Every structure is written in structure tokens, then in C-alpha cells.
Amino acid sequence: MSTPNFSKTERIDVRASLPVKQLLQEAARACHKNVSEFLLSSPTKISSTES
């Protein structure tokens, strides 16, 4: 299922340790996404399956 194409007007800042940042970057790369897409894809999938 694809993510709805909403206008991106809001920003979320996240602070993480270097190892966590690297882990997120590697996981995103493995999914062929950038970190923002990766971080936003999990809650979107969860919310769409709980509806």
C-alpha cells in the first residue's frame, strides 16, 4: 500500500546517538528509502492495518 501524497508542511527534529543514526541510515538504505521515508513508513503501515 502506498503512502498518501499529503503536502509536507511540518518538520520533525530527532536527536539520536551516532550508532542509532547509522543504524537508521543502514535500515533505510536496505529498504531503498531515505531516512525520512523510512521513519515515516512504519507508523503509516501500522495505522493502515489497525483501521
Protein backbone atom coordinates (compact mmCIF):
# COMPACT_ATOMS: atom_id res chain seq x y z
CA MET A 1 0.00 0.00 0.00
CA SER A 2 1.39 3.40 -0.93
CA THR A 3 1.61 6.39 1.36
CA PRO A 4 -0.95 9.12 0.63
CA ASN A 5 0.58 12.15 -1.07
CA PHE A 6 -0.07 14.85 1.53
CA SER A 7 1.56 18.27 1.40
CA LYS A 8 4.72 18.23 3.52
CA THR A 9 4.49 21.39 5.59
CA GLU A 10 5.58 20.14 9.01
CA ARG A 11 9.04 19.25 10.27
CA ILE A 12 10.08 16.78 12.98
CA ASP A 13 13.52 17.02 14.56
CA VAL A 14 15.03 13.92 16.13
CA ARG A 15 18.20 13.66 18.18
CA ALA A 16 19.98 10.31 18.24
CA SER A 17 23.38 8.91 19.10
CA LEU A 18 25.75 8.26 16.23
CA PRO A 19 25.25 4.46 16.38
CA VAL A 20 21.45 4.89 16.22
CA LYS A 21 21.75 7.33 13.33
CA GLN A 22 23.96 4.90 11.45
CA LEU A 23 21.55 2.05 12.13
CA LEU A 24 18.63 4.09 10.79
CA GLN A 25 20.64 5.06 7.70
CA GLU A 26 21.56 1.43 7.02
CA ALA A 27 17.98 0.24 7.52
CA ALA A 28 16.65 2.97 5.24
CA ARG A 29 19.23 2.12 2.58
CA ALA A 30 18.26 -1.57 2.78
CA CYS A 31 14.64 -0.57 2.10
CA HIS A 32 15.68 1.73 -0.77
CA LYS A 33 14.37 4.78 1.11
CA ASN A 34 15.86 7.87 2.65
CA VAL A 35 15.80 8.16 6.45
CA SER A 36 12.71 10.39 6.47
CA GLU A 37 10.76 7.98 4.26
CA PHE A 38 11.91 5.05 6.40
CA LEU A 39 10.91 6.68 9.68
CA LEU A 40 7.52 7.71 8.36
CA SER A 41 6.73 4.40 6.65
CA SER A 42 6.38 2.26 9.80
CA PRO A 43 3.70 4.31 11.58
CA THR A 44 1.84 4.70 8.29
CA LYS A 45 1.80 0.92 7.76
CA ILE A 46 0.74 0.26 11.35
CA SER A 47 -2.08 2.79 11.29
CA SER A 48 -3.42 1.48 7.98
CA THR A 49 -3.56 -2.11 9.30
CA GLU A 50 -5.29 -1.10 12.55
CA SER A 51 -8.16 0.71 10.81
